[in-house]
Amino acid sequence: MTALIDLFALDCIALNNPAQNRADAFAVAGDLFAKHTGIEASAVVSFLNAREDLGSTALGAGVAIPHGRVKGLKQPVAAFINLKDAIEFAAPDGEPVSLLIFLLVPEKATQQHLEILSSIAQLLSDPLTRKQLATESSPENIFELLQQWGSPQ
């Protein structure tokens, strides 16, 4: 479960974000990743939309893990966005989404991609962790929580 160590950066955490729909949320993620990785925001949004077009990445319980494979990316990177108001995301339980963890992986990162997605899904399936992610107002505390998830205590 240490797959999340070094995946997040403090500058890729956005709290109480006003995005009103999936396109807005993807644009925010594109901007965060562009600043952090140098990959153009529009390219990030294209990668995310390509995966989302295959089926919703919402898990239910108000969470989603939009993700995509990115040509030229060297290391997996993630961003966390907590929305001010939940948005429609075609979740299996029909609930709107307010917690999103975005993941970009190198184009060829098949097994690593699956391990990271599994770790993120485990993190988001924990009700206490979801509550902390939904209510925490400090990006530094969110970063710490995400970094420590699954680490040996």
Protein backbone atom coordinates (compact mmCIF):
# COMPACT_ATOMS: atom_id res chain seq x y z
CA MET A 1 0.00 0.00 0.00
CA THR A 2 2.99 2.29 -0.24
CA ALA A 3 2.10 2.92 -3.87
CA LEU A 4 0.95 6.44 -2.94
CA ILE A 5 4.26 7.60 -1.46
CA ASP A 6 5.72 10.43 -3.56
CA LEU A 7 2.71 10.40 -5.90
CA PHE A 8 1.19 13.67 -4.66
CA ALA A 9 2.70 17.14 -4.53
CA LEU A 10 1.42 19.96 -2.37
CA ASP A 11 0.87 22.11 -5.47
CA CYS A 12 -1.46 19.43 -6.87
CA ILE A 13 -4.05 19.76 -4.10
CA ALA A 14 -7.08 22.02 -4.55
CA LEU A 15 -9.60 22.36 -1.73
CA ASN A 16 -13.14 23.72 -1.81
CA ASN A 17 -12.87 24.09 -5.58
CA PRO A 18 -15.87 25.75 -7.30
CA ALA A 19 -15.95 23.44 -10.38
CA GLN A 20 -19.57 23.01 -11.48
CA ASN A 21 -19.25 19.94 -13.71
CA ARG A 22 -16.83 17.28 -14.94
CA ALA A 23 -15.36 19.56 -17.63
CA ASP A 24 -14.59 22.24 -15.02
CA ALA A 25 -12.99 19.68 -12.67
CA PHE A 26 -10.89 18.24 -15.52
CA ALA A 27 -9.75 21.76 -16.46
CA VAL A 28 -8.66 22.38 -12.86
CA ALA A 29 -6.74 19.09 -12.84
CA GLY A 30 -5.19 19.98 -16.20
CA ASP A 31 -3.94 23.28 -14.77
CA LEU A 32 -2.55 21.62 -11.62
CA PHE A 33 -0.71 18.96 -13.62
CA ALA A 34 0.54 21.50 -16.19
CA LYS A 35 2.21 23.54 -13.45
CA HIS A 36 3.69 20.44 -11.84
CA THR A 37 4.74 18.36 -14.86
CA GLY A 38 5.03 20.83 -17.73
CA ILE A 39 2.53 18.83 -19.79
CA GLU A 40 -0.01 21.14 -21.44
CA ALA A 41 -3.30 21.39 -19.56
CA SER A 42 -5.30 20.70 -22.73
CA ALA A 43 -3.32 17.49 -23.29
CA VAL A 44 -4.02 16.36 -19.71
CA VAL A 45 -7.74 17.01 -20.20
CA SER A 46 -7.66 15.01 -23.46
CA PHE A 47 -6.03 12.02 -21.71
CA LEU A 48 -8.59 12.18 -18.89
CA ASN A 49 -11.53 12.49 -21.29
CA ALA A 50 -10.25 9.58 -23.41
CA ARG A 51 -10.38 7.30 -20.36
CA GLU A 52 -13.68 8.71 -19.10
CA ASP A 53 -15.26 8.07 -22.51
CA LEU A 54 -14.72 4.33 -21.85
CA GLY A 55 -16.84 4.54 -18.70
CA SER A 56 -17.18 6.60 -15.56
CA THR A 57 -14.28 6.52 -13.11
CA ALA A 58 -16.64 7.33 -10.22
CA LEU A 59 -16.59 4.64 -7.54
CA GLY A 60 -19.68 5.68 -5.59
CA ALA A 61 -19.86 7.25 -2.11
CA GLY A 62 -19.04 10.65 -3.64
CA VAL A 63 -15.59 9.77 -5.00
CA ALA A 64 -13.96 9.33 -8.41
CA ILE A 65 -10.50 8.45 -9.73
CA PRO A 66 -10.18 10.02 -13.19
CA HIS A 67 -6.95 8.77 -14.73
CA GLY A 68 -5.04 8.49 -17.96
CA ARG A 69 -1.88 7.25 -19.62
CA VAL A 70 0.40 10.03 -20.80
CA LYS A 71 2.99 9.67 -23.51
CA GLY A 72 6.32 11.10 -22.38
CA LEU A 73 5.49 11.09 -18.65
CA LYS A 74 8.37 9.60 -16.65
CA GLN A 75 6.72 8.98 -13.25
CA PRO A 76 3.11 8.60 -12.10
CA VAL A 77 1.65 11.76 -10.58
CA ALA A 78 -1.61 12.45 -8.78
CA ALA A 79 -3.74 15.43 -7.85
CA PHE A 80 -6.47 15.76 -5.24
CA ILE A 81 -9.47 18.03 -5.70
CA ASN A 82 -12.18 18.54 -3.10
CA LEU A 83 -15.17 20.27 -4.70
CA LYS A 84 -17.23 22.94 -2.95
CA ASP A 85 -20.40 21.35 -4.38
CA ALA A 86 -20.77 17.76 -5.59
CA ILE A 87 -21.15 17.21 -9.35
CA GLU A 88 -22.82 14.59 -11.53
CA PHE A 89 -20.28 11.93 -12.55
CA ALA A 90 -22.33 8.88 -13.60
CA ALA A 91 -21.44 7.06 -10.39
CA PRO A 92 -22.68 3.47 -10.00
CA ASP A 93 -24.67 4.49 -6.90
CA GLY A 94 -26.10 7.57 -8.64
CA GLU A 95 -24.54 9.88 -6.04
CA PRO A 96 -22.75 13.07 -7.12
CA VAL A 97 -18.99 13.31 -6.64
CA SER A 98 -17.08 15.84 -4.52
CA LEU A 99 -13.75 14.06 -3.89
CA LEU A 100 -11.54 13.40 -6.90
CA ILE A 101 -8.09 11.89 -7.08
CA PHE A 102 -6.64 12.35 -10.55
CA LEU A 103 -3.89 10.01 -11.67
CA LEU A 104 -1.56 10.28 -14.64
CA VAL A 105 0.77 7.39 -15.43
CA PRO A 106 3.39 6.79 -18.12
CA GLU A 107 1.97 5.32 -21.30
CA LYS A 108 3.48 1.88 -20.63
CA ALA A 109 2.84 1.66 -16.85
CA THR A 110 0.35 -1.21 -16.85
CA GLN A 111 1.03 -3.13 -13.59
CA GLN A 112 2.15 -0.03 -11.69
CA HIS A 113 -0.98 1.80 -12.91
CA LEU A 114 -3.21 -0.98 -11.56
CA GLU A 115 -1.40 -1.09 -8.20
CA ILE A 116 -1.74 2.68 -7.76
CA LEU A 117 -5.42 2.63 -8.74
CA SER A 118 -6.00 -0.19 -6.25
CA SER A 119 -4.29 1.78 -3.46
CA ILE A 120 -6.31 4.90 -4.26
CA ALA A 121 -9.54 2.87 -4.32
CA GLN A 122 -8.66 1.40 -0.91
CA LEU A 123 -7.95 4.86 0.47
CA LEU A 124 -11.26 6.21 -0.84
CA SER A 125 -13.23 3.19 0.39
CA ASP A 126 -12.39 4.04 4.00
CA PRO A 127 -15.26 6.15 5.45
CA LEU A 128 -13.04 7.92 8.01
CA THR A 129 -10.48 8.85 5.37
CA ARG A 130 -13.22 10.14 3.06
CA LYS A 131 -14.56 12.28 5.89
CA GLN A 132 -11.08 13.69 6.58
CA LEU A 133 -10.55 14.43 2.88
CA ALA A 134 -13.95 16.12 2.70
CA THR A 135 -13.58 18.31 5.78
CA GLU A 136 -9.88 19.16 6.05
CA SER A 137 -9.17 22.78 5.19
CA SER A 138 -5.37 22.61 5.05
CA PRO A 139 -3.65 21.43 1.85
CA GLU A 140 -0.63 20.50 3.99
CA ASN A 141 -2.76 18.18 6.16
CA ILE A 142 -4.34 16.59 3.09
CA PHE A 143 -0.87 16.08 1.61
CA GLU A 144 0.30 14.45 4.86
CA LEU A 145 -2.75 12.18 4.98
CA LEU A 146 -2.24 11.07 1.37
CA GLN A 147 1.51 10.52 1.87
CA GLN A 148 0.99 8.47 5.03
CA TRP A 149 -1.83 6.29 3.69
CA GLY A 150 -0.69 2.69 3.80
CA SER A 151 2.74 3.51 5.21
CA PRO A 152 4.03 1.24 7.95
CA GLN A 153 3.27 2.86 11.28
